[in-house]
Amino acid sequence: MSSFIDGIRKITNSSHINPDEKICKTCNYKCCTKRFQQNFKSWTSDNNYIDKFIQDTQLSAHRDVKKALEWIPYNKLYNIKHIEENCYVANWIDGNILCWDRKNQIWIRRDQKMIVKLKKLNNPKAITLEFMDEIKIDYVFYGITHDPETKDYMMVLNERCKKCNIVCNAIHFQQNFKNWTS
């Protein structure tokens, strides 16, 4: 038993552990929450309520990065098309966060240039965790953006497929080929 404990001590005392890193008291290691928290000062929505809401989701993420919302700068969206009242479709350059790359100290993202839906937030103060849970029934909620021209705040979402309950290509084919004929 003592050789096992000695092995653990060698790992925890090795040079690849940074003693200056702040450890999350909930997870007992440097989890997603700490990574997000370090980045709080590098972005703002220019709306304190939205900033706090996004930060609260990030502070509750711990090991599940899917729970965290992001502030998504509007210039990270392109090919923006109006599809219905208060609703747009766009490509998101970065794509959503998958996990933290410890070696390179960056977020690994997937689905770069992914198609997302932008839904206008009529009342940014009405967004709550309960509201977010309701949205997540039909959508994957990635974050919030702000159109600098119209001054509108918008949710960045992806629709869930009614058959498989995940984001799948069927949704995008339905949206893009409504008027297609052979």
C-alpha atoms as a PDB file:
ATOM      1  CA  MET A   1       0.000   0.000   0.000  1.00  0.00           C
ATOM      2  CA  SER A   2       2.823   2.437   0.775  1.00  0.00           C
ATOM      3  CA  SER A   3       4.255   2.080  -2.779  1.00  0.00           C
ATOM      4  CA  PHE A   4       0.872   3.182  -4.139  1.00  0.00           C
ATOM      5  CA  ILE A   5       0.851   6.252  -1.864  1.00  0.00           C
ATOM      6  CA  ASP A   6       4.474   7.012  -2.780  1.00  0.00           C
ATOM      7  CA  GLY A   7       3.510   6.849  -6.470  1.00  0.00           C
ATOM      8  CA  ILE A   8       0.688   9.339  -5.912  1.00  0.00           C
ATOM      9  CA  ARG A   9       3.042  11.671  -4.030  1.00  0.00           C
ATOM     10  CA  LYS A  10       5.530  11.589  -6.921  1.00  0.00           C
ATOM     11  CA  ILE A  11       2.778  12.576  -9.356  1.00  0.00           C
ATOM     12  CA  THR A  12       1.456  15.405  -7.184  1.00  0.00           C
ATOM     13  CA  ASN A  13       4.940  16.724  -6.411  1.00  0.00           C
ATOM     14  CA  SER A  14       6.190  16.571  -9.997  1.00  0.00           C
ATOM     15  CA  SER A  15       7.203  19.698 -11.911  1.00  0.00           C
ATOM     16  CA  HIS A  16       4.239  19.584 -14.315  1.00  0.00           C
ATOM     17  CA  ILE A  17       1.915  20.662 -11.490  1.00  0.00           C
ATOM     18  CA  ASN A  18       1.845  24.451 -11.197  1.00  0.00           C
ATOM     19  CA  PRO A  19       1.641  25.400  -7.506  1.00  0.00           C
ATOM     20  CA  ASP A  20       0.378  28.891  -8.413  1.00  0.00           C
ATOM     21  CA  GLU A  21      -2.804  27.573 -10.050  1.00  0.00           C
ATOM     22  CA  LYS A  22      -5.908  28.223  -8.026  1.00  0.00           C
ATOM     23  CA  ILE A  23      -7.775  25.025  -7.304  1.00  0.00           C
ATOM     24  CA  CYS A  24     -11.564  24.875  -7.497  1.00  0.00           C
ATOM     25  CA  LYS A  25     -12.953  24.045  -4.060  1.00  0.00           C
ATOM     26  CA  THR A  26     -15.845  22.099  -5.610  1.00  0.00           C
ATOM     27  CA  CYS A  27     -13.777  19.926  -7.964  1.00  0.00           C
ATOM     28  CA  ASN A  28     -10.487  19.940  -6.039  1.00  0.00           C
ATOM     29  CA  TYR A  29      -8.537  20.736  -9.223  1.00  0.00           C
ATOM     30  CA  LYS A  30      -8.367  23.547 -11.789  1.00  0.00           C
ATOM     31  CA  CYS A  31     -11.618  22.937 -13.642  1.00  0.00           C
ATOM     32  CA  CYS A  32     -13.444  24.774 -16.438  1.00  0.00           C
ATOM     33  CA  THR A  33     -14.819  27.275 -13.946  1.00  0.00           C
ATOM     34  CA  LYS A  34     -11.342  28.579 -13.112  1.00  0.00           C
ATOM     35  CA  ARG A  35     -10.409  28.806 -16.800  1.00  0.00           C
ATOM     36  CA  PHE A  36     -13.517  30.863 -17.570  1.00  0.00           C
ATOM     37  CA  GLN A  37     -13.024  33.027 -14.476  1.00  0.00           C
ATOM     38  CA  GLN A  38      -9.505  33.993 -15.588  1.00  0.00           C
ATOM     39  CA  ASN A  39     -11.009  35.314 -18.822  1.00  0.00           C
ATOM     40  CA  PHE A  40     -13.791  37.493 -17.315  1.00  0.00           C
ATOM     41  CA  LYS A  41     -11.867  40.747 -17.723  1.00  0.00           C
ATOM     42  CA  SER A  42     -11.106  40.136 -21.405  1.00  0.00           C
ATOM     43  CA  TRP A  43     -14.698  40.486 -22.655  1.00  0.00           C
ATOM     44  CA  THR A  44     -17.903  42.423 -22.035  1.00  0.00           C
ATOM     45  CA  SER A  45     -21.327  42.612 -23.618  1.00  0.00           C
ATOM     46  CA  ASP A  46     -21.636  46.241 -22.433  1.00  0.00           C
ATOM     47  CA  ASN A  47     -24.653  45.068 -20.441  1.00  0.00           C
ATOM     48  CA  ASN A  48     -23.898  44.219 -16.802  1.00  0.00           C
ATOM     49  CA  TYR A  49     -26.936  41.950 -16.522  1.00  0.00           C
ATOM     50  CA  ILE A  50     -25.890  39.826 -19.522  1.00  0.00           C
ATOM     51  CA  ASP A  51     -22.248  39.750 -18.365  1.00  0.00           C
ATOM     52  CA  LYS A  52     -23.328  38.470 -14.945  1.00  0.00           C
ATOM     53  CA  PHE A  53     -25.681  35.887 -16.450  1.00  0.00           C
ATOM     54  CA  ILE A  54     -22.974  34.482 -18.755  1.00  0.00           C
ATOM     55  CA  GLN A  55     -20.414  34.500 -15.924  1.00  0.00           C
ATOM     56  CA  ASP A  56     -22.853  32.682 -13.612  1.00  0.00           C
ATOM     57  CA  THR A  57     -23.307  29.903 -16.181  1.00  0.00           C
ATOM     58  CA  GLN A  58     -19.522  29.666 -16.558  1.00  0.00           C
ATOM     59  CA  LEU A  59     -18.996  29.558 -12.789  1.00  0.00           C
ATOM     60  CA  SER A  60     -21.425  26.655 -12.515  1.00  0.00           C
ATOM     61  CA  ALA A  61     -19.864  24.626 -15.361  1.00  0.00           C
ATOM     62  CA  HIS A  62     -17.063  22.890 -13.387  1.00  0.00           C
ATOM     63  CA  ARG A  63     -16.554  19.654 -15.356  1.00  0.00           C
ATOM     64  CA  ASP A  64     -19.361  20.111 -17.898  1.00  0.00           C
ATOM     65  CA  VAL A  65     -18.389  22.856 -20.319  1.00  0.00           C
ATOM     66  CA  LYS A  66     -21.720  22.406 -22.163  1.00  0.00           C
ATOM     67  CA  LYS A  67     -23.459  24.191 -19.278  1.00  0.00           C
ATOM     68  CA  ALA A  68     -21.476  27.383 -19.873  1.00  0.00           C
ATOM     69  CA  LEU A  69     -22.624  30.155 -22.169  1.00  0.00           C
ATOM     70  CA  GLU A  70     -20.160  32.348 -24.040  1.00  0.00           C
ATOM     71  CA  TRP A  71     -20.056  35.977 -25.021  1.00  0.00           C
ATOM     72  CA  ILE A  72     -19.806  35.646 -28.813  1.00  0.00           C
ATOM     73  CA  PRO A  73     -18.530  38.795 -30.554  1.00  0.00           C
ATOM     74  CA  TYR A  74     -20.751  39.698 -33.511  1.00  0.00           C
ATOM     75  CA  ASN A  75     -17.727  39.775 -35.822  1.00  0.00           C
ATOM     76  CA  LYS A  76     -17.337  36.023 -35.202  1.00  0.00           C
ATOM     77  CA  LEU A  77     -20.602  35.504 -37.118  1.00  0.00           C
ATOM     78  CA  TYR A  78     -20.893  35.799 -40.893  1.00  0.00           C
ATOM     79  CA  ASN A  79     -23.287  35.009 -43.721  1.00  0.00           C
ATOM     80  CA  ILE A  80     -26.123  36.358 -41.539  1.00  0.00           C
ATOM     81  CA  LYS A  81     -29.564  35.935 -43.140  1.00  0.00           C
ATOM     82  CA  HIS A  82     -32.971  37.001 -41.861  1.00  0.00           C
ATOM     83  CA  ILE A  83     -35.302  33.965 -41.809  1.00  0.00           C
ATOM     84  CA  GLU A  84     -38.323  35.197 -39.826  1.00  0.00           C
ATOM     85  CA  GLU A  85     -39.295  37.916 -37.379  1.00  0.00           C
ATOM     86  CA  ASN A  86     -36.577  38.324 -34.713  1.00  0.00           C
ATOM     87  CA  CYS A  87     -34.722  35.296 -36.078  1.00  0.00           C
ATOM     88  CA  TYR A  88     -31.619  34.907 -38.250  1.00  0.00           C
ATOM     89  CA  VAL A  89     -29.321  32.139 -39.379  1.00  0.00           C
ATOM     90  CA  ALA A  90     -25.529  32.586 -39.526  1.00  0.00           C
ATOM     91  CA  ASN A  91     -22.192  30.802 -39.561  1.00  0.00           C
ATOM     92  CA  TRP A  92     -20.144  30.940 -36.366  1.00  0.00           C
ATOM     93  CA  ILE A  93     -16.433  31.106 -37.176  1.00  0.00           C
ATOM     94  CA  ASP A  94     -15.127  29.575 -33.926  1.00  0.00           C
ATOM     95  CA  GLY A  95     -17.722  26.918 -33.186  1.00  0.00           C
ATOM     96  CA  ASN A  96     -18.525  25.721 -29.693  1.00  0.00           C
ATOM     97  CA  ILE A  97     -16.141  24.785 -26.885  1.00  0.00           C
ATOM     98  CA  LEU A  98     -15.390  21.086 -26.534  1.00  0.00           C
ATOM     99  CA  CYS A  99     -12.727  20.977 -23.795  1.00  0.00           C
ATOM    100  CA  TRP A 100      -9.561  22.586 -22.414  1.00  0.00           C
ATOM    101  CA  ASP A 101      -6.190  21.771 -24.000  1.00  0.00           C
ATOM    102  CA  ARG A 102      -3.863  21.675 -20.989  1.00  0.00           C
ATOM    103  CA  LYS A 103      -0.712  21.486 -23.087  1.00  0.00           C
ATOM    104  CA  ASN A 104      -1.452  24.553 -25.255  1.00  0.00           C
ATOM    105  CA  GLN A 105      -3.588  26.337 -22.627  1.00  0.00           C
ATOM    106  CA  ILE A 106      -6.490  27.031 -25.015  1.00  0.00           C
ATOM    107  CA  TRP A 107     -10.076  25.899 -25.511  1.00  0.00           C
ATOM    108  CA  ILE A 108     -10.464  23.181 -28.109  1.00  0.00           C
ATOM    109  CA  ARG A 109     -13.455  23.964 -30.287  1.00  0.00           C
ATOM    110  CA  ARG A 110     -15.463  21.917 -32.702  1.00  0.00           C
ATOM    111  CA  ASP A 111     -17.708  22.647 -35.635  1.00  0.00           C
ATOM    112  CA  GLN A 112     -15.881  25.757 -36.816  1.00  0.00           C
ATOM    113  CA  LYS A 113     -18.051  27.731 -39.256  1.00  0.00           C
ATOM    114  CA  MET A 114     -21.103  25.925 -37.883  1.00  0.00           C
ATOM    115  CA  ILE A 115     -24.597  27.110 -38.760  1.00  0.00           C
ATOM    116  CA  VAL A 116     -26.399  28.706 -35.813  1.00  0.00           C
ATOM    117  CA  LYS A 117     -29.693  30.448 -35.214  1.00  0.00           C
ATOM    118  CA  LEU A 118     -29.760  33.973 -33.781  1.00  0.00           C
ATOM    119  CA  LYS A 119     -32.901  34.861 -31.816  1.00  0.00           C
ATOM    120  CA  LYS A 120     -33.441  38.425 -30.698  1.00  0.00           C
ATOM    121  CA  LEU A 121     -33.704  38.990 -26.949  1.00  0.00           C
ATOM    122  CA  ASN A 122     -36.525  41.497 -26.503  1.00  0.00           C
ATOM    123  CA  ASN A 123     -35.778  41.939 -22.810  1.00  0.00           C
ATOM    124  CA  PRO A 124     -32.226  40.954 -21.772  1.00  0.00           C
ATOM    125  CA  LYS A 125     -33.218  41.235 -18.095  1.00  0.00           C
ATOM    126  CA  ALA A 126     -35.799  38.459 -18.578  1.00  0.00           C
ATOM    127  CA  ILE A 127     -33.103  35.861 -19.185  1.00  0.00           C
ATOM    128  CA  THR A 128     -32.814  33.557 -16.178  1.00  0.00           C
ATOM    129  CA  LEU A 129     -31.616  30.023 -15.515  1.00  0.00           C
ATOM    130  CA  GLU A 130     -35.257  28.896 -15.707  1.00  0.00           C
ATOM    131  CA  PHE A 131     -35.590  30.609 -19.096  1.00  0.00           C
ATOM    132  CA  MET A 132     -32.389  28.885 -20.210  1.00  0.00           C
ATOM    133  CA  ASP A 133     -33.790  25.477 -19.168  1.00  0.00           C
ATOM    134  CA  GLU A 134     -36.914  26.140 -21.255  1.00  0.00           C
ATOM    135  CA  ILE A 135     -34.803  27.148 -24.264  1.00  0.00           C
ATOM    136  CA  LYS A 136     -32.683  23.987 -23.916  1.00  0.00           C
ATOM    137  CA  ILE A 137     -35.734  21.783 -24.525  1.00  0.00           C
ATOM    138  CA  ASP A 138     -35.755  22.704 -28.222  1.00  0.00           C
ATOM    139  CA  TYR A 139     -32.317  24.283 -28.658  1.00  0.00           C
ATOM    140  CA  VAL A 140     -28.658  23.999 -27.767  1.00  0.00           C
ATOM    141  CA  PHE A 141     -27.848  27.408 -26.233  1.00  0.00           C
ATOM    142  CA  TYR A 142     -24.233  28.472 -26.944  1.00  0.00           C
ATOM    143  CA  GLY A 143     -24.183  32.091 -25.881  1.00  0.00           C
ATOM    144  CA  ILE A 144     -25.211  35.671 -26.537  1.00  0.00           C
ATOM    145  CA  THR A 145     -24.094  38.227 -29.117  1.00  0.00           C
ATOM    146  CA  HIS A 146     -24.839  41.892 -29.855  1.00  0.00           C
ATOM    147  CA  ASP A 147     -25.522  43.457 -33.249  1.00  0.00           C
ATOM    148  CA  PRO A 148     -23.625  46.786 -33.162  1.00  0.00           C
ATOM    149  CA  GLU A 149     -25.871  48.326 -35.861  1.00  0.00           C
ATOM    150  CA  THR A 150     -29.320  47.495 -34.464  1.00  0.00           C
ATOM    151  CA  LYS A 151     -28.107  47.354 -30.824  1.00  0.00           C
ATOM    152  CA  ASP A 152     -30.055  44.084 -30.426  1.00  0.00           C
ATOM    153  CA  TYR A 153     -28.842  41.307 -28.158  1.00  0.00           C
ATOM    154  CA  MET A 154     -29.369  37.832 -29.596  1.00  0.00           C
ATOM    155  CA  MET A 155     -29.139  34.286 -28.328  1.00  0.00           C
ATOM    156  CA  VAL A 156     -26.841  32.034 -30.351  1.00  0.00           C
ATOM    157  CA  LEU A 157     -28.614  28.691 -30.649  1.00  0.00           C
ATOM    158  CA  ASN A 158     -28.871  25.505 -32.606  1.00  0.00           C
ATOM    159  CA  GLU A 159     -32.138  23.682 -33.065  1.00  0.00           C
ATOM    160  CA  ARG A 160     -32.510  20.149 -31.708  1.00  0.00           C
ATOM    161  CA  CYS A 161     -33.805  17.479 -34.081  1.00  0.00           C
ATOM    162  CA  LYS A 162     -37.253  16.228 -33.021  1.00  0.00           C
ATOM    163  CA  LYS A 163     -36.265  12.617 -33.854  1.00  0.00           C
ATOM    164  CA  CYS A 164     -32.818  12.281 -32.273  1.00  0.00           C
ATOM    165  CA  ASN A 165     -32.874  15.222 -29.779  1.00  0.00           C
ATOM    166  CA  ILE A 166     -29.431  16.421 -30.885  1.00  0.00           C
ATOM    167  CA  VAL A 167     -28.240  18.940 -33.446  1.00  0.00           C
ATOM    168  CA  CYS A 168     -28.076  17.047 -36.713  1.00  0.00           C
ATOM    169  CA  ASN A 169     -27.799  17.763 -40.419  1.00  0.00           C
ATOM    170  CA  ALA A 170     -31.511  17.088 -40.995  1.00  0.00           C
ATOM    171  CA  ILE A 171     -32.343  20.451 -39.401  1.00  0.00           C
ATOM    172  CA  HIS A 172     -29.979  22.340 -41.718  1.00  0.00           C
ATOM    173  CA  PHE A 173     -31.216  20.506 -44.815  1.00  0.00           C
ATOM    174  CA  GLN A 174     -34.800  21.405 -43.894  1.00  0.00           C
ATOM    175  CA  GLN A 175     -33.867  25.070 -43.413  1.00  0.00           C
ATOM    176  CA  ASN A 176     -31.769  25.390 -46.570  1.00  0.00           C
ATOM    177  CA  PHE A 177     -33.755  23.361 -49.075  1.00  0.00           C
ATOM    178  CA  LYS A 178     -37.349  24.535 -48.513  1.00  0.00           C
ATOM    179  CA  ASN A 179     -37.745  25.943 -52.018  1.00  0.00           C
ATOM    180  CA  TRP A 180     -35.490  23.508 -53.858  1.00  0.00           C
ATOM    181  CA  THR A 181     -36.839  21.669 -56.877  1.00  0.00           C
ATOM    182  CA  SER A 182     -35.149  19.342 -59.332  1.00  0.00           C
END
